[in-house]
Amino acid sequence: MSQHRFVFIGTYTEAILFGTGQIVQGKGRGIHIYRFDTASGALEPYGLAEGIRNPSYLAIHPSRRYLYAVNELKEFEGQTCGAISAFALDPESGRLSFINQRATHGTDPCHLSVAQTGECVLVANFASGSACVLPIRPDGSLGDATDVVQHHGFSIDPRRQAGPHAHAVTLDNRGRYVFVPDLGLDKVMIYELDAARGALKPHTTPWVEVRPGAGPRQLVMHPGGRFAYLINELNSTMMAFRYDGDRGTLEEIQTLSTLPDGFDGKSSCAEVQISPVGDLLYGSNRGHDSLVIYAVDQAEGTLTRIGHVSTRGKTPRNFAVDPDGNWVLVANQDSDNIAVFRVDHGTGGLVAAGATTSVPMPVCVKVL
């Protein structure tokens, strides 16, 4: 078995206005490709897919032969919307070849997921607060959107929650239900997916509400299918849910802070990921600039905080757990670097591996 994997890093290539009011000047050149040594943890520059605007968040097709990137934009081809770009991916060489682009019918698309059947891709449009479905053709190219669902409403924070802000799209393990955390509404919207038609039907229980001002951002399913975990951006909390896959319902079990006891600085959450076997859960803190690590009770779904590790950089926007569960790669957006950590399976902790790797404005990390 090869000790190398390919790593794809999405970046900002041009200026973008965030929901916080901050304007970030993009430094990236496109999708940066690295070879990752799974024995040492070293990253080696390998390639670059250029000419793509703000390919910030990435998703890999179940066949491993295609990669999709949101183009996090407010304008695309004269329309007030962003886009998704499709690439052919050679799993042997790691090379990307551009196929096509399609509009997302909403502004600032920030997250996307590919259905387990490989028939469609789903995207969250953050600024306009909507979710969109686009069909995937047999050659991996994207068709025009087949469904767009617009969220409505607001919550208690007049600056961050004056309107809807869909932040992610997560499918359950069966590919039947779709969960869209909406930061602006303090709700996780729930839909039933018809992958063949590319349609989203509101669930009979159309949402789960979280605490006012929490700002739900991303949700991850436990690999066993019975639990789900939601990270909240604005109040820096992690929520554990019991999940009924037959009914598509979430029942809250527990809510914990993602920050150390006594921390009184400014921080907000970004990414949540779980280990392949479901025993460890991770969340990123921007401001505290750390990953929080929880042990997962595999029977009950509850969390026990193991501790925190510095991300060795500023603003950990996104991170990835490699498919073997032995490594965690963190994209530090505002310090332009990727930090690699080895998982200590005895303690559950993370151990830094070598020097950090310089990457301009990294936003998303995907390991093939």
Protein backbone atom coordinates (compact mmCIF):
# COMPACT_ATOMS: atom_id res chain seq x y z
CA MET A 1 0.00 0.00 0.00
CA SER A 2 1.33 3.45 -0.96
CA GLN A 3 2.38 5.72 1.87
CA HIS A 4 1.34 8.78 -0.11
CA ARG A 5 -2.02 10.46 -0.51
CA PHE A 6 -3.01 13.54 -2.51
CA VAL A 7 -4.20 16.63 -0.66
CA PHE A 8 -6.30 19.37 -2.30
CA ILE A 9 -6.42 22.83 -0.74
CA GLY A 10 -9.07 25.40 -1.63
CA THR A 11 -8.13 29.08 -1.38
CA TYR A 12 -9.39 32.61 -1.85
CA THR A 13 -7.93 34.11 -5.02
CA GLU A 14 -9.58 37.53 -4.75
CA ALA A 15 -11.07 39.87 -2.17
CA ILE A 16 -14.20 38.75 -0.36
CA LEU A 17 -16.55 40.49 2.08
CA PHE A 18 -17.41 38.22 5.01
CA GLY A 19 -20.62 38.25 7.03
CA THR A 20 -18.62 39.76 9.90
CA GLY A 21 -17.99 42.86 7.78
CA GLN A 22 -14.32 41.96 7.34
CA ILE A 23 -12.83 42.19 3.85
CA VAL A 24 -10.17 39.57 3.17
CA GLN A 25 -7.75 40.00 0.30
CA GLY A 26 -7.31 36.69 -1.50
CA LYS A 27 -3.74 35.45 -1.95
CA GLY A 28 -4.34 31.95 -3.32
CA ARG A 29 -3.73 30.92 -6.91
CA GLY A 30 -6.48 28.31 -7.19
CA ILE A 31 -6.65 24.74 -5.90
CA HIS A 32 -3.23 23.82 -4.56
CA ILE A 33 -2.28 20.13 -4.77
CA TYR A 34 0.18 18.40 -2.42
CA ARG A 35 1.50 14.89 -1.89
CA PHE A 36 1.14 13.78 1.71
CA ASP A 37 3.54 11.24 3.21
CA THR A 38 1.41 9.17 5.61
CA ALA A 39 4.53 7.79 7.30
CA SER A 40 6.19 11.12 8.21
CA GLY A 41 3.36 13.65 7.84
CA ALA A 42 5.32 15.70 5.30
CA LEU A 43 3.56 17.72 2.60
CA GLU A 44 5.21 18.17 -0.80
CA PRO A 45 3.97 20.70 -3.40
CA TYR A 46 2.71 18.77 -6.39
CA GLY A 47 0.45 20.84 -8.64
CA LEU A 48 -2.00 23.68 -9.05
CA ALA A 49 -5.35 24.19 -10.76
CA GLU A 50 -5.32 27.87 -11.70
CA GLY A 51 -7.77 30.28 -13.26
CA ILE A 52 -10.65 29.45 -10.88
CA ARG A 53 -12.11 32.28 -8.80
CA ASN A 54 -12.32 31.74 -5.04
CA PRO A 55 -12.44 27.91 -5.04
CA SER A 56 -12.86 27.95 -1.28
CA TYR A 57 -14.62 24.71 -0.29
CA LEU A 58 -14.08 21.36 -1.99
CA ALA A 59 -15.83 17.99 -2.22
CA ILE A 60 -14.69 14.74 -3.83
CA HIS A 61 -17.08 12.48 -5.76
CA PRO A 62 -17.66 8.98 -4.28
CA SER A 63 -15.97 7.48 -7.36
CA ARG A 64 -12.83 9.54 -6.54
CA ARG A 65 -12.74 10.59 -10.21
CA TYR A 66 -14.21 14.09 -9.87
CA LEU A 67 -13.73 17.08 -7.59
CA TYR A 68 -16.14 19.97 -7.09
CA ALA A 69 -15.34 23.45 -5.75
CA VAL A 70 -17.63 26.29 -4.78
CA ASN A 71 -16.72 29.61 -6.32
CA GLU A 72 -17.46 31.87 -3.36
CA LEU A 73 -18.68 34.90 -5.29
CA LYS A 74 -21.42 37.51 -5.26
CA GLU A 75 -21.46 37.82 -9.07
CA PHE A 76 -21.05 35.18 -11.76
CA GLU A 77 -21.51 35.71 -15.50
CA GLY A 78 -23.62 38.80 -14.93
CA GLN A 79 -25.85 37.13 -12.35
CA THR A 80 -26.09 37.93 -8.64
CA CYS A 81 -24.86 34.55 -7.50
CA GLY A 82 -21.86 32.28 -7.06
CA ALA A 83 -20.94 29.10 -8.89
CA ILE A 84 -19.62 25.54 -8.64
CA SER A 85 -16.71 24.27 -10.72
CA ALA A 86 -16.33 20.62 -11.76
CA PHE A 87 -12.97 18.93 -12.33
CA ALA A 88 -11.93 15.52 -13.58
CA LEU A 89 -9.61 13.95 -11.00
CA ASP A 90 -7.03 11.33 -11.88
CA PRO A 91 -6.71 9.30 -8.65
CA GLU A 92 -3.37 7.86 -9.80
CA SER A 93 -1.62 11.14 -10.60
CA GLY A 94 -3.70 13.58 -8.52
CA ARG A 95 -4.09 15.89 -11.51
CA LEU A 96 -7.20 18.05 -11.96
CA SER A 97 -8.71 18.96 -15.33
CA PHE A 98 -11.44 21.60 -15.49
CA ILE A 99 -14.79 20.40 -16.90
CA ASN A 100 -17.39 23.14 -16.44
CA GLN A 101 -19.12 25.62 -14.11
CA ARG A 102 -22.72 26.25 -13.14
CA ALA A 103 -24.49 28.98 -11.15
CA THR A 104 -25.66 28.26 -7.58
CA HIS A 105 -28.56 30.76 -7.70
CA GLY A 106 -27.42 32.33 -4.44
CA THR A 107 -24.51 34.47 -3.27
CA ASP A 108 -21.31 33.39 -1.53
CA PRO A 109 -21.65 29.61 -1.75
CA CYS A 110 -19.50 28.36 1.14
CA HIS A 111 -20.00 24.59 1.45
CA LEU A 112 -21.00 21.65 -0.73
CA SER A 113 -21.57 17.90 -0.49
CA VAL A 114 -21.91 15.17 -3.11
CA ALA A 115 -24.78 12.69 -2.67
CA GLN A 116 -23.65 9.13 -1.91
CA THR A 117 -25.18 7.97 -5.20
CA GLY A 118 -22.98 10.45 -7.07
CA GLU A 119 -26.04 11.79 -8.89
CA CYS A 120 -26.03 15.35 -7.58
CA VAL A 121 -24.14 17.97 -5.61
CA LEU A 122 -25.73 20.15 -2.92
CA VAL A 123 -24.47 23.61 -1.99
CA ALA A 124 -25.13 26.16 0.76
CA ASN A 125 -25.31 29.82 -0.33
CA PHE A 126 -24.27 31.74 2.78
CA ALA A 127 -25.01 35.39 1.99
CA SER A 128 -28.41 34.81 0.39
CA GLY A 129 -29.44 32.00 2.77
CA SER A 130 -30.40 29.24 0.35
CA ALA A 131 -29.55 25.67 -0.63
CA CYS A 132 -29.21 24.47 -4.21
CA VAL A 133 -29.08 21.07 -5.96
CA LEU A 134 -27.23 20.51 -9.24
CA PRO A 135 -27.23 17.21 -11.20
CA ILE A 136 -23.97 15.42 -11.99
CA ARG A 137 -23.82 13.98 -15.50
CA PRO A 138 -22.15 10.64 -16.31
CA ASP A 139 -18.95 12.46 -17.37
CA GLY A 140 -18.78 14.34 -14.05
CA SER A 141 -19.95 17.64 -15.50
CA LEU A 142 -22.63 19.70 -13.79
CA GLY A 143 -26.07 20.40 -15.18
CA ASP A 144 -28.17 23.45 -14.40
CA ALA A 145 -29.70 23.60 -10.92
CA THR A 146 -32.75 21.40 -10.46
CA ASP A 147 -33.88 22.87 -7.13
CA VAL A 148 -33.26 25.93 -4.96
CA VAL A 149 -34.78 26.35 -1.50
CA GLN A 150 -34.74 29.82 0.04
CA HIS A 151 -34.69 30.27 3.82
CA HIS A 152 -36.52 33.12 5.54
CA GLY A 153 -36.33 34.79 8.95
CA PHE A 154 -33.78 36.11 11.43
CA SER A 155 -32.56 35.73 15.00
CA ILE A 156 -31.30 37.85 17.89
CA ASP A 157 -27.91 39.15 16.70
CA PRO A 158 -28.71 42.29 14.63
CA ARG A 159 -25.35 42.20 12.86
CA ARG A 160 -24.85 38.51 12.10
CA GLN A 161 -28.44 37.24 12.17
CA ALA A 162 -30.53 39.88 10.39
CA GLY A 163 -31.43 37.31 7.73
CA PRO A 164 -30.84 33.67 6.76
CA HIS A 165 -27.29 32.39 6.24
CA ALA A 166 -27.13 28.76 5.15
CA HIS A 167 -23.68 27.55 6.15
CA ALA A 168 -23.43 23.87 5.19
CA VAL A 169 -25.22 20.92 3.62
CA THR A 170 -24.80 17.51 5.23
CA LEU A 171 -26.43 14.27 4.15
CA ASP A 172 -27.19 11.47 6.57
CA ASN A 173 -25.39 8.14 6.12
CA ARG A 174 -28.18 6.73 3.95
CA GLY A 175 -28.29 9.77 1.68
CA ARG A 176 -31.98 10.27 2.41
CA TYR A 177 -32.08 13.37 4.62
CA VAL A 178 -30.22 16.66 4.23
CA PHE A 179 -29.34 19.00 7.11
CA VAL A 180 -28.63 22.69 6.47
CA PRO A 181 -27.37 24.62 9.53
CA ASP A 182 -28.48 28.24 9.12
CA LEU A 183 -26.41 30.67 11.17
CA GLY A 184 -28.88 33.51 10.68
CA LEU A 185 -31.94 31.59 11.86
CA ASP A 186 -30.50 29.55 14.76
CA LYS A 187 -32.01 26.50 13.08
CA VAL A 188 -30.85 23.34 11.36
CA MET A 189 -33.21 22.98 8.40
CA ILE A 190 -34.15 19.40 7.44
CA TYR A 191 -35.01 18.18 3.94
CA GLU A 192 -35.68 14.86 2.26
CA LEU A 193 -33.57 14.35 -0.86
CA ASP A 194 -34.77 12.85 -4.10
CA ALA A 195 -31.30 12.35 -5.64
CA ALA A 196 -32.59 11.07 -8.99
CA ARG A 197 -34.75 14.18 -9.50
CA GLY A 198 -32.37 16.53 -7.72
CA ALA A 199 -35.11 17.85 -5.45
CA LEU A 200 -35.33 18.83 -1.79
CA LYS A 201 -38.62 18.29 0.03
CA PRO A 202 -39.12 19.99 3.43
CA HIS A 203 -39.26 17.36 6.15
CA THR A 204 -42.43 16.91 8.22
CA THR A 205 -40.22 18.20 11.07
CA PRO A 206 -38.72 21.03 9.00
CA TRP A 207 -36.07 22.20 11.47
CA VAL A 208 -34.38 21.85 14.83
CA GLU A 209 -33.89 25.05 16.80
CA VAL A 210 -30.75 25.79 18.80
CA ARG A 211 -30.15 28.39 21.49
CA PRO A 212 -30.78 31.99 20.38
CA GLY A 213 -27.54 33.55 19.19
CA ALA A 214 -25.71 30.22 18.87
CA GLY A 215 -25.20 30.54 15.11
CA PRO A 216 -25.18 26.93 13.81
CA ARG A 217 -22.42 26.45 11.25
CA GLN A 218 -21.61 22.83 10.38
CA LEU A 219 -22.94 19.37 11.23
CA VAL A 220 -21.24 15.98 10.95
CA MET A 221 -22.83 12.53 11.18
CA HIS A 222 -21.34 9.78 13.32
CA PRO A 223 -20.15 6.91 11.06
CA GLY A 224 -22.46 4.54 12.96
CA GLY A 225 -25.45 6.61 11.85
CA ARG A 226 -27.07 7.02 15.29
CA PHE A 227 -25.60 10.40 16.33
CA ALA A 228 -24.82 13.82 14.86
CA TYR A 229 -22.68 16.73 16.06
CA LEU A 230 -23.25 20.43 15.39
CA ILE A 231 -20.71 23.20 15.90
CA ASN A 232 -22.10 26.68 16.60
CA GLU A 233 -20.03 29.60 15.36
CA LEU A 234 -21.27 32.51 17.46
CA ASN A 235 -21.40 31.04 20.98
CA SER A 236 -18.54 28.52 20.52
CA THR A 237 -20.42 25.37 21.47
CA MET A 238 -20.60 21.78 20.29
CA MET A 239 -23.95 19.98 20.38
CA ALA A 240 -24.48 16.21 20.38
CA PHE A 241 -27.73 14.79 18.96
CA ARG A 242 -29.32 11.38 18.88
CA TYR A 243 -30.35 10.66 15.29
CA ASP A 244 -33.27 8.54 14.11
CA GLY A 245 -32.39 7.58 10.54
CA ASP A 246 -35.85 6.17 9.81
CA ARG A 247 -37.62 9.38 10.73
CA GLY A 248 -34.84 11.87 9.98
CA THR A 249 -35.09 13.52 13.40
CA LEU A 250 -32.48 14.97 15.76
CA GLU A 251 -32.81 14.92 19.55
CA GLU A 252 -30.35 16.99 21.59
CA ILE A 253 -28.24 15.03 24.06
CA GLN A 254 -25.61 17.49 25.23
CA THR A 255 -24.06 20.94 24.66
CA LEU A 256 -20.46 21.73 25.59
CA SER A 257 -18.17 24.73 25.15
CA THR A 258 -15.43 24.42 22.56
CA LEU A 259 -13.17 26.76 24.56
CA PRO A 260 -11.01 26.15 27.65
CA ASP A 261 -12.46 26.95 31.06
CA GLY A 262 -11.76 30.55 31.97
CA PHE A 263 -11.03 31.77 28.44
CA ASP A 264 -12.47 35.29 28.05
CA GLY A 265 -11.02 36.35 24.70
CA LYS A 266 -12.79 36.72 21.37
CA SER A 267 -13.25 33.51 19.39
CA SER A 268 -15.65 31.83 16.98
CA CYS A 269 -16.01 28.31 15.65
CA ALA A 270 -15.58 27.01 12.12
CA GLU A 271 -15.14 23.31 11.25
CA VAL A 272 -16.28 20.04 12.87
CA GLN A 273 -14.92 16.62 11.87
CA ILE A 274 -15.09 13.11 13.30
CA SER A 275 -12.62 10.23 13.11
CA PRO A 276 -13.39 7.39 10.66
CA VAL A 277 -14.33 4.98 13.48
CA GLY A 278 -16.26 7.65 15.40
CA ASP A 279 -14.23 7.67 18.62
CA LEU A 280 -12.83 11.21 18.38
CA LEU A 281 -14.53 14.51 17.49
CA TYR A 282 -12.71 17.73 16.62
CA GLY A 283 -13.77 21.39 16.30
CA SER A 284 -11.84 24.52 15.35
CA ASN A 285 -11.69 27.76 17.34
CA ARG A 286 -10.77 30.94 15.44
CA GLY A 287 -9.38 33.49 17.89
CA HIS A 288 -8.27 30.96 20.45
CA ASP A 289 -6.65 29.35 17.36
CA SER A 290 -7.02 25.80 18.53
CA LEU A 291 -8.67 22.48 17.88
CA VAL A 292 -10.84 21.12 20.67
CA ILE A 293 -10.74 17.34 21.00
CA TYR A 294 -13.57 15.22 22.44
CA ALA A 295 -13.79 11.52 23.14
CA VAL A 296 -17.06 10.06 21.83
CA ASP A 297 -19.04 7.49 23.81
CA GLN A 298 -19.86 5.06 21.01
CA ALA A 299 -22.92 3.68 22.82
CA GLU A 300 -24.52 6.90 24.07
CA GLY A 301 -23.10 9.51 21.69
CA THR A 302 -22.01 11.79 24.54
CA LEU A 303 -18.79 13.78 24.50
CA THR A 304 -15.94 14.14 27.00
CA ARG A 305 -13.46 16.91 26.36
CA ILE A 306 -9.90 15.61 26.11
CA GLY A 307 -8.27 19.01 25.63
CA HIS A 308 -7.06 21.55 23.10
CA VAL A 309 -4.09 21.86 20.77
CA SER A 310 -2.75 25.04 19.18
CA THR A 311 -3.19 25.00 15.41
CA ARG A 312 0.26 26.58 14.96
CA GLY A 313 -1.26 29.40 12.99
CA LYS A 314 -4.00 32.00 12.86
CA THR A 315 -7.70 31.43 12.12
CA PRO A 316 -8.11 27.65 11.65
CA ARG A 317 -10.84 27.81 9.03
CA ASN A 318 -11.02 24.16 8.07
CA PHE A 319 -9.26 20.88 8.76
CA ALA A 320 -9.35 17.29 7.57
CA VAL A 321 -8.92 13.89 9.20
CA ASP A 322 -7.17 11.51 6.81
CA PRO A 323 -9.15 8.40 5.78
CA ASP A 324 -7.08 6.17 8.09
CA GLY A 325 -7.74 8.41 11.10
CA ASN A 326 -4.03 8.82 11.84
CA TRP A 327 -3.51 12.46 10.82
CA VAL A 328 -5.25 15.83 11.09
CA LEU A 329 -4.35 18.60 8.62
CA VAL A 330 -5.37 22.15 9.59
CA ALA A 331 -5.79 25.13 7.22
CA ASN A 332 -4.80 28.34 9.05
CA GLN A 333 -6.41 30.94 6.81
CA ASP A 334 -4.85 34.14 8.15
CA SER A 335 -1.30 32.88 8.67
CA ASP A 336 -1.08 31.19 5.26
CA ASN A 337 -0.05 27.76 6.47
CA ILE A 338 -1.08 24.14 6.89
CA ALA A 339 -0.24 22.38 10.17
CA VAL A 340 -0.11 18.58 10.35
CA PHE A 341 -0.77 16.57 13.52
CA ARG A 342 -0.38 12.89 14.27
CA VAL A 343 -3.24 11.31 16.24
CA ASP A 344 -2.11 9.66 19.48
CA HIS A 345 -4.56 6.75 19.61
CA GLY A 346 -3.59 6.03 23.20
CA THR A 347 -4.56 9.42 24.63
CA GLY A 348 -6.68 10.84 21.81
CA GLY A 349 -4.38 13.86 21.67
CA LEU A 350 -2.71 15.46 18.67
CA VAL A 351 1.07 15.72 18.23
CA ALA A 352 2.58 18.27 15.83
CA ALA A 353 4.51 16.71 12.94
CA GLY A 354 7.42 18.78 11.65
CA ALA A 355 7.29 22.34 10.40
CA THR A 356 4.12 23.92 9.02
CA THR A 357 3.70 24.19 5.24
CA SER A 358 3.26 27.58 3.58
CA VAL A 359 0.06 27.83 1.49
CA PRO A 360 -1.48 31.21 0.57
CA MET A 361 -4.89 31.80 2.16
CA PRO A 362 -5.90 28.14 2.71
CA VAL A 363 -9.62 27.68 3.32
CA CYS A 364 -10.37 23.97 2.87
CA VAL A 365 -8.34 20.73 3.00
CA LYS A 366 -9.45 17.47 1.36
CA VAL A 367 -7.41 14.26 1.51
CA LEU A 368 -7.90 11.70 -1.26
